[in-house]
Amino acid sequence: MNGREALTRLAGKIKGPLEKYRLVLLVILAGLLLLMLPLGEREEEPVKTAGETAVSFDLAAMETRLAEALSRIDGAGEVTVVLTVQNGPRQVLAQDVDRRTGEGENTETVVLSRGGSAQETVTVQELYPSYQGALLICEGGDDPNVRLKLTEATSALTGLGADKISISKGK
């Protein structure tokens, strides 16, 4: 028996099971091919600590944006904006309520453990501070039409009433 006859006999033995399980083998090969494909680099989302907020509130940036927008109103000229807020930004944290206690409700703040000593709170909602008042100083501050436009625009952007917005003529 030579090598060629041995290969023919071996091929005959393998051919039967291959035809019987060809779909299974095809699925396995497709799975192996998919496992070998590169998926690209995944960027890990930075872990927030308890003091960080996802969207930060910057009063100075808000004043600058508002001043730029109001300066585009016809007759206003260059506008300087000063805003006051009632309190800082706040976070509402997730709380676990236990109502089975005899004295009433027992609440605990939900804390996630990321392994080791790293722990973080679960933030349900972030609240921006509410505005308390606004001062606008502009070149056209003495014109009633400009004052009305500035008051309406500031009220729309900050939620303040007209009685909380002061407009003065600048230099």
Protein backbone atom coordinates (compact mmCIF):
# COMPACT_ATOMS: atom_id res chain seq x y z
CA MET A 1 0.00 0.00 0.00
CA ASN A 2 1.47 3.29 -0.99
CA GLY A 3 0.84 6.80 0.31
CA ARG A 4 -1.65 7.65 -2.38
CA GLU A 5 -3.96 4.77 -1.51
CA ALA A 6 -3.76 5.66 2.18
CA LEU A 7 -4.80 9.23 1.47
CA THR A 8 -7.70 8.04 -0.68
CA ARG A 9 -8.89 5.71 2.05
CA LEU A 10 -8.55 8.48 4.69
CA ALA A 11 -10.47 10.92 2.47
CA GLY A 12 -13.27 8.36 2.11
CA LYS A 13 -13.54 7.96 5.87
CA ILE A 14 -13.64 11.74 6.46
CA LYS A 15 -16.03 12.50 3.58
CA GLY A 16 -19.01 10.73 5.18
CA PRO A 17 -19.07 12.73 8.47
CA LEU A 18 -18.18 15.97 6.65
CA GLU A 19 -21.26 15.70 4.43
CA LYS A 20 -23.43 14.80 7.39
CA TYR A 21 -22.27 17.71 9.60
CA ARG A 22 -21.35 20.27 6.94
CA LEU A 23 -23.85 22.92 8.19
CA VAL A 24 -22.59 22.60 11.75
CA LEU A 25 -19.00 22.94 10.58
CA LEU A 26 -19.95 25.93 8.43
CA VAL A 27 -21.52 27.69 11.43
CA ILE A 28 -18.46 26.95 13.56
CA LEU A 29 -16.13 28.32 10.87
CA ALA A 30 -18.26 31.45 10.50
CA GLY A 31 -18.14 31.94 14.29
CA LEU A 32 -14.37 31.56 14.38
CA LEU A 33 -14.03 34.04 11.53
CA LEU A 34 -16.19 36.58 13.36
CA LEU A 35 -14.15 36.14 16.53
CA MET A 36 -10.96 36.94 14.63
CA LEU A 37 -12.26 40.19 13.15
CA PRO A 38 -10.97 43.31 14.89
CA LEU A 39 -13.74 45.31 16.53
CA GLY A 40 -11.82 48.56 16.75
CA GLU A 41 -10.70 50.36 19.83
CA ARG A 42 -13.26 50.90 22.49
CA GLU A 43 -13.03 54.05 24.52
CA GLU A 44 -13.85 53.51 28.13
CA GLU A 45 -16.29 55.96 29.62
CA PRO A 46 -14.60 57.88 32.40
CA VAL A 47 -15.89 56.96 35.82
CA LYS A 48 -17.55 59.89 37.58
CA THR A 49 -16.83 60.45 41.21
CA ALA A 50 -19.46 61.66 43.65
CA GLY A 51 -18.46 65.32 43.27
CA GLU A 52 -18.40 65.44 39.47
CA THR A 53 -21.39 66.35 37.35
CA ALA A 54 -21.99 65.11 33.81
CA VAL A 55 -22.93 68.56 32.56
CA SER A 56 -21.28 71.31 34.53
CA PHE A 57 -22.88 74.69 35.14
CA ASP A 58 -20.62 77.66 34.46
CA LEU A 59 -22.11 81.02 35.42
CA ALA A 60 -19.37 83.05 33.73
CA ALA A 61 -19.83 81.16 30.45
CA MET A 62 -23.59 81.73 30.62
CA GLU A 63 -23.06 85.45 31.20
CA THR A 64 -20.69 85.62 28.22
CA ARG A 65 -23.08 83.74 25.92
CA LEU A 66 -25.98 85.93 27.01
CA ALA A 67 -23.95 89.12 26.52
CA GLU A 68 -22.94 88.04 23.01
CA ALA A 69 -26.53 87.25 22.07
CA LEU A 70 -27.95 90.46 23.53
CA SER A 71 -25.26 92.59 21.84
CA ARG A 72 -26.75 91.55 18.49
CA ILE A 73 -30.06 93.25 19.28
CA ASP A 74 -30.49 96.38 17.17
CA GLY A 75 -29.60 99.51 19.16
CA ALA A 76 -28.22 97.71 22.20
CA GLY A 77 -24.54 98.11 21.41
CA GLU A 78 -22.06 96.23 23.59
CA VAL A 79 -23.85 94.50 26.47
CA THR A 80 -22.37 93.43 29.80
CA VAL A 81 -24.39 90.86 31.76
CA VAL A 82 -24.23 90.06 35.47
CA LEU A 83 -26.38 87.14 36.70
CA THR A 84 -27.02 86.05 40.27
CA VAL A 85 -28.17 82.59 41.26
CA GLN A 86 -30.04 81.41 44.36
CA ASN A 87 -27.90 78.33 44.96
CA GLY A 88 -25.33 76.14 43.26
CA PRO A 89 -25.98 73.13 41.06
CA ARG A 90 -27.40 70.13 42.92
CA GLN A 91 -27.62 66.41 42.34
CA VAL A 92 -30.53 64.18 43.31
CA LEU A 93 -29.06 60.84 44.39
CA ALA A 94 -30.74 57.45 44.12
CA GLN A 95 -32.04 56.26 47.47
CA ASP A 96 -32.98 52.81 48.68
CA VAL A 97 -36.13 52.98 50.84
CA ASP A 98 -36.80 50.29 53.43
CA ARG A 99 -40.45 50.46 54.54
CA ARG A 100 -40.30 47.39 56.75
CA THR A 101 -38.91 49.17 59.79
CA GLY A 102 -41.27 49.73 62.70
CA GLU A 103 -40.46 53.46 63.05
CA GLY A 104 -41.37 54.41 59.48
CA GLU A 105 -39.18 54.64 56.40
CA ASN A 106 -35.47 54.07 56.44
CA THR A 107 -33.57 55.51 53.44
CA GLU A 108 -30.00 54.88 52.35
CA THR A 109 -28.11 56.40 49.43
CA VAL A 110 -27.36 53.87 46.70
CA VAL A 111 -23.60 53.38 46.25
CA LEU A 112 -21.90 51.44 43.45
CA SER A 113 -18.70 49.59 44.20
CA ARG A 114 -16.29 49.36 41.26
CA GLY A 115 -13.98 46.90 42.97
CA GLY A 116 -11.28 47.67 45.43
CA SER A 117 -12.00 50.81 47.41
CA ALA A 118 -13.58 52.78 44.54
CA GLN A 119 -17.19 53.70 45.27
CA GLU A 120 -19.54 56.17 43.65
CA THR A 121 -23.08 57.39 44.21
CA VAL A 122 -25.85 56.95 41.66
CA THR A 123 -27.13 60.29 40.36
CA VAL A 124 -30.78 60.27 39.31
CA GLN A 125 -31.12 63.93 38.33
CA GLU A 126 -28.95 67.03 38.13
CA LEU A 127 -30.55 70.39 38.87
CA TYR A 128 -29.17 73.67 37.61
CA PRO A 129 -29.39 76.63 39.95
CA SER A 130 -32.27 79.03 39.46
CA TYR A 131 -31.51 82.62 38.57
CA GLN A 132 -32.25 85.32 41.10
CA GLY A 133 -31.65 88.47 39.08
CA ALA A 134 -29.91 90.00 36.08
CA LEU A 135 -28.14 93.31 35.46
CA LEU A 136 -27.61 94.44 31.87
CA ILE A 137 -25.36 97.39 31.08
CA CYS A 138 -25.40 98.61 27.49
CA GLU A 139 -24.99 101.72 25.34
CA GLY A 140 -28.66 101.69 24.27
CA GLY A 141 -29.96 101.24 27.82
CA ASP A 142 -31.84 104.56 27.79
CA ASP A 143 -34.02 103.71 24.74
CA PRO A 144 -37.38 102.18 25.84
CA ASN A 145 -37.65 99.95 22.74
CA VAL A 146 -34.17 98.52 23.31
CA ARG A 147 -34.94 98.03 27.01
CA LEU A 148 -38.11 96.10 26.13
CA LYS A 149 -36.28 93.86 23.65
CA LEU A 150 -33.47 93.20 26.14
CA THR A 151 -35.93 92.44 28.94
CA GLU A 152 -37.92 90.02 26.78
CA ALA A 153 -34.80 88.23 25.54
CA THR A 154 -33.26 87.94 29.01
CA SER A 155 -36.55 86.73 30.46
CA ALA A 156 -36.86 84.07 27.76
CA LEU A 157 -33.31 82.78 28.29
CA THR A 158 -33.18 82.87 32.10
CA GLY A 159 -36.80 82.48 33.17
CA LEU A 160 -36.64 85.70 35.19
CA GLY A 161 -39.57 88.07 35.34
CA ALA A 162 -39.25 91.67 34.15
CA ASP A 163 -39.11 92.85 37.77
CA LYS A 164 -35.88 90.86 38.31
CA ILE A 165 -34.06 92.34 35.28
CA SER A 166 -32.34 95.72 35.58
CA ILE A 167 -31.08 97.56 32.50
CA SER A 168 -28.73 100.54 32.71
CA LYS A 169 -27.08 102.79 30.17
CA GLY A 170 -23.33 102.28 29.95
CA LYS A 171 -20.51 104.54 28.86
